[in-house]
Amino acid sequence: MTRTRRAAIAGVWAAAVGLGAGAAFADRYEEPKPHAVETAAAVDEAPGALYERLGAAFGREPYTVVDRDDAKRTVTVRIDVEDPTRYIDCGTSYRSAAAGGGETVYPTAGSAQYTFTDSNGQTFTATRVSELEGRALVSVEPQAQGSQVDVIVLYAWTLLIEYTDRRSVPIDSKGVRFHLGSRQPLDERDGQTPVCYATGRLESELLARVRARP
């Protein structure tokens, strides 16, 4: 690969993720707004019984129990997400297509494919695959009446980008991973990282199982 081609690809890598500035970047990037996220629930159920029930409830699809601490009454749950945009909101990216082909609009947290032209007039296609793994720490604490359940969610968001030329020949690929959660948004404001918030969907789904007494 020539130095010019390497420089072009390095410049569009940030653009494919939906970051940075410059001619290769999306024309516009709209930041998301924070979402209201429910992370706790009071349940009229004894802590011991509730903890055992949740261990079984979270062991069913789409969740997997990856750890339990009986002494602390905590359950760690994993979920692999097919559509990251349901669980995280990283705003919207707008990109002018190659050769006056209009505009491509896509959620920054989602998968997408688009073409672009570099500063040398060469046309490339970027295919971005977005993957998300969520982990939730669910804890049960006694209250004066019943129990208090708290949910802390952390996400690992991975973007895999493949570049091909106009003959569909692969020329490069890259990957990057970000971390965020319901209490820890991705909000570095460094010009190279998108702003992302948890939508609260996973927390709501887990708390629905907490409240669903048999």
Protein backbone atom coordinates (compact mmCIF):
# COMPACT_ATOMS: atom_id res chain seq x y z
CA MET A 1 0.00 0.00 0.00
CA THR A 2 1.39 3.40 -0.91
CA ARG A 3 2.09 6.13 1.65
CA THR A 4 -0.68 8.23 0.11
CA ARG A 5 -3.16 5.36 0.41
CA ARG A 6 -2.13 4.69 4.03
CA ALA A 7 -2.57 8.35 4.88
CA ALA A 8 -6.01 8.39 3.28
CA ILE A 9 -7.11 5.33 5.22
CA ALA A 10 -5.76 6.72 8.49
CA GLY A 11 -7.75 9.87 7.89
CA VAL A 12 -11.01 8.08 7.16
CA TRP A 13 -10.74 5.61 10.04
CA ALA A 14 -11.95 8.21 12.52
CA ALA A 15 -14.60 9.22 10.03
CA ALA A 16 -15.88 5.67 9.67
CA VAL A 17 -16.31 5.45 13.40
CA GLY A 18 -18.15 8.74 13.25
CA LEU A 19 -15.54 10.86 14.96
CA GLY A 20 -13.08 13.63 14.35
CA ALA A 21 -13.13 16.42 11.83
CA GLY A 22 -11.94 17.12 8.33
CA ALA A 23 -13.03 16.40 4.78
CA ALA A 24 -13.44 12.67 5.36
CA PHE A 25 -15.69 13.08 8.37
CA ALA A 26 -19.47 13.10 8.29
CA ASP A 27 -20.80 16.50 7.34
CA ARG A 28 -22.82 16.67 10.54
CA TYR A 29 -22.91 14.86 13.84
CA GLU A 30 -25.84 15.31 16.20
CA GLU A 31 -25.13 14.52 19.82
CA PRO A 32 -27.73 12.55 21.77
CA LYS A 33 -29.54 13.81 24.82
CA PRO A 34 -29.30 11.97 28.16
CA HIS A 35 -31.98 9.38 28.79
CA ALA A 36 -33.89 8.91 32.03
CA VAL A 37 -32.68 5.59 33.41
CA GLU A 38 -34.33 3.67 36.24
CA THR A 39 -31.71 1.73 38.20
CA ALA A 40 -33.48 0.61 41.39
CA ALA A 41 -36.70 -0.94 42.63
CA ALA A 42 -38.28 -1.70 46.02
CA VAL A 43 -39.82 -5.17 46.25
CA ASP A 44 -42.04 -6.56 48.98
CA GLU A 45 -40.11 -9.80 49.22
CA ALA A 46 -37.53 -11.14 51.68
CA PRO A 47 -33.94 -10.61 50.47
CA GLY A 48 -32.96 -14.27 50.57
CA ALA A 49 -35.98 -15.45 48.61
CA LEU A 50 -35.68 -12.61 46.13
CA TYR A 51 -32.01 -13.30 45.53
CA GLU A 52 -32.67 -16.97 44.78
CA ARG A 53 -35.54 -16.09 42.46
CA LEU A 54 -33.44 -13.59 40.53
CA GLY A 55 -30.63 -16.11 40.07
CA ALA A 56 -33.10 -18.34 38.24
CA ALA A 57 -34.87 -15.50 36.40
CA PHE A 58 -31.64 -14.09 34.99
CA GLY A 59 -30.47 -17.51 33.88
CA ARG A 60 -32.96 -17.53 31.00
CA GLU A 61 -32.45 -16.08 27.52
CA PRO A 62 -31.36 -13.55 26.48
CA TYR A 63 -29.36 -13.33 29.70
CA THR A 64 -26.51 -15.40 31.07
CA VAL A 65 -25.50 -15.42 34.73
CA VAL A 66 -21.71 -15.13 34.79
CA ASP A 67 -21.17 -14.71 38.54
CA ARG A 68 -23.02 -14.95 41.86
CA ASP A 69 -21.90 -13.81 45.29
CA ASP A 70 -24.18 -15.41 47.86
CA ALA A 71 -22.61 -13.51 50.76
CA LYS A 72 -23.26 -10.11 49.13
CA ARG A 73 -26.44 -11.21 47.31
CA THR A 74 -25.20 -9.99 43.94
CA VAL A 75 -25.75 -11.48 40.49
CA THR A 76 -23.71 -10.50 37.42
CA VAL A 77 -25.62 -10.90 34.17
CA ARG A 78 -24.38 -10.73 30.57
CA ILE A 79 -26.32 -9.98 27.41
CA ASP A 80 -25.03 -9.95 23.82
CA VAL A 81 -26.98 -7.36 21.88
CA GLU A 82 -27.94 -7.75 18.21
CA ASP A 83 -28.97 -4.12 17.79
CA PRO A 84 -26.81 -1.79 19.93
CA THR A 85 -29.02 1.22 19.13
CA ARG A 86 -31.72 -0.23 21.40
CA TYR A 87 -29.44 0.00 24.42
CA ILE A 88 -27.07 2.90 23.75
CA ASP A 89 -27.65 6.23 22.03
CA CYS A 90 -24.58 7.79 20.42
CA GLY A 91 -26.34 10.36 18.28
CA THR A 92 -26.69 10.52 14.51
CA SER A 93 -24.09 10.81 11.76
CA TYR A 94 -24.70 12.40 8.35
CA ARG A 95 -22.31 11.73 5.50
CA SER A 96 -22.21 12.96 1.91
CA ALA A 97 -21.99 10.00 -0.43
CA ALA A 98 -19.32 9.65 -3.10
CA ALA A 99 -19.77 11.30 -6.51
CA GLY A 100 -22.77 13.36 -5.50
CA GLY A 101 -24.78 10.32 -4.46
CA GLY A 102 -26.77 12.14 -1.81
CA GLU A 103 -26.42 11.74 1.93
CA THR A 104 -26.11 8.69 4.16
CA VAL A 105 -27.70 9.00 7.59
CA TYR A 106 -27.10 6.41 10.29
CA PRO A 107 -27.21 6.09 14.08
CA THR A 108 -23.62 6.38 15.25
CA ALA A 109 -24.08 3.32 17.50
CA GLY A 110 -25.37 1.19 14.62
CA SER A 111 -23.97 -0.74 11.69
CA ALA A 112 -23.82 1.02 8.32
CA GLN A 113 -22.23 1.03 4.88
CA TYR A 114 -21.38 4.05 2.75
CA THR A 115 -19.02 5.26 0.06
CA PHE A 116 -16.72 8.24 0.19
CA THR A 117 -14.08 9.95 -1.90
CA ASP A 118 -10.68 10.83 -0.47
CA SER A 119 -8.63 13.96 -1.19
CA ASN A 120 -7.04 12.22 -4.20
CA GLY A 121 -10.40 11.56 -5.81
CA GLN A 122 -10.35 7.82 -5.08
CA THR A 123 -13.61 6.17 -4.04
CA PHE A 124 -13.85 3.70 -1.15
CA THR A 125 -16.60 1.84 0.65
CA ALA A 126 -16.65 1.60 4.45
CA THR A 127 -18.60 -1.18 6.13
CA ARG A 128 -18.98 -0.68 9.86
CA VAL A 129 -20.26 -3.49 12.08
CA SER A 130 -21.43 -2.44 15.53
CA GLU A 131 -21.44 -4.95 18.39
CA LEU A 132 -22.45 -4.51 22.02
CA GLU A 133 -22.02 -6.60 25.13
CA GLY A 134 -23.80 -5.57 28.30
CA ARG A 135 -23.02 -6.63 31.85
CA ALA A 136 -25.23 -5.82 34.79
CA LEU A 137 -24.46 -6.11 38.48
CA VAL A 138 -27.74 -6.73 40.29
CA SER A 139 -27.62 -6.41 44.08
CA VAL A 140 -30.27 -7.21 46.70
CA GLU A 141 -30.30 -5.31 49.99
CA PRO A 142 -32.71 -5.67 52.93
CA GLN A 143 -35.13 -2.87 53.72
CA ALA A 144 -37.43 -2.27 56.64
CA GLN A 145 -40.12 -3.95 54.54
CA GLY A 146 -38.91 -6.23 51.78
CA SER A 147 -35.85 -5.56 49.65
CA GLN A 148 -34.08 -2.95 47.54
CA VAL A 149 -32.67 -4.02 44.18
CA ASP A 150 -30.01 -1.93 42.43
CA VAL A 151 -28.82 -2.43 38.85
CA ILE A 152 -25.51 -1.13 37.52
CA VAL A 153 -24.98 -1.67 33.79
CA LEU A 154 -21.71 -1.45 31.87
CA TYR A 155 -21.41 -1.78 28.10
CA ALA A 156 -18.50 -2.71 25.85
CA TRP A 157 -19.24 -1.22 22.43
CA THR A 158 -17.08 -2.48 19.57
CA LEU A 159 -16.89 -1.06 16.05
CA LEU A 160 -15.29 -3.10 13.29
CA ILE A 161 -14.60 -1.22 10.05
CA GLU A 162 -13.61 -2.72 6.70
CA TYR A 163 -12.57 -0.62 3.72
CA THR A 164 -12.81 -1.78 0.12
CA ASP A 165 -11.94 -0.04 -3.12
CA ARG A 166 -14.28 0.48 -6.05
CA ARG A 167 -13.55 -3.09 -7.23
CA SER A 168 -14.68 -4.41 -3.80
CA VAL A 169 -11.13 -5.46 -2.97
CA PRO A 170 -10.43 -5.22 0.79
CA ILE A 171 -7.68 -2.73 1.52
CA ASP A 172 -7.77 -2.28 5.29
CA SER A 173 -9.75 -2.98 8.44
CA LYS A 174 -9.77 -1.49 11.91
CA GLY A 175 -11.45 -1.98 15.26
CA VAL A 176 -12.08 0.16 18.31
CA ARG A 177 -13.84 -0.40 21.63
CA PHE A 178 -15.54 2.04 23.97
CA HIS A 179 -16.92 1.55 27.46
CA LEU A 180 -19.93 3.24 29.02
CA GLY A 181 -22.79 2.49 31.37
CA SER A 182 -25.98 3.68 32.99
CA ARG A 183 -23.98 5.68 35.55
CA GLN A 184 -20.97 6.32 33.32
CA PRO A 185 -21.78 7.96 29.96
CA LEU A 186 -19.22 8.25 27.19
CA ASP A 187 -18.74 12.00 27.27
CA GLU A 188 -15.06 12.86 26.83
CA ARG A 189 -15.62 15.85 24.52
CA ASP A 190 -12.18 15.35 23.00
CA GLY A 191 -13.17 15.73 19.35
CA GLN A 192 -12.32 12.08 18.67
CA THR A 193 -14.98 10.23 20.68
CA PRO A 194 -18.75 10.25 20.19
CA VAL A 195 -21.07 11.17 23.04
CA CYS A 196 -23.04 8.11 24.16
CA TYR A 197 -25.68 7.45 26.79
CA ALA A 198 -27.40 4.30 27.97
CA THR A 199 -31.04 4.31 26.88
CA GLY A 200 -32.20 2.54 30.05
CA ARG A 201 -33.71 -0.36 28.13
CA LEU A 202 -31.59 -3.08 29.73
CA GLU A 203 -32.15 -1.68 33.22
CA SER A 204 -35.90 -1.64 32.60
CA GLU A 205 -35.88 -5.20 31.26
CA LEU A 206 -33.98 -6.48 34.29
CA LEU A 207 -36.16 -4.61 36.76
CA ALA A 208 -39.24 -6.03 35.04
CA ARG A 209 -37.99 -9.51 35.96
CA VAL A 210 -37.30 -8.29 39.48
CA ARG A 211 -40.93 -7.22 39.85
CA ALA A 212 -42.40 -10.28 38.12
CA ARG A 213 -43.10 -12.42 41.16
CA PRO A 214 -44.47 -15.91 40.39
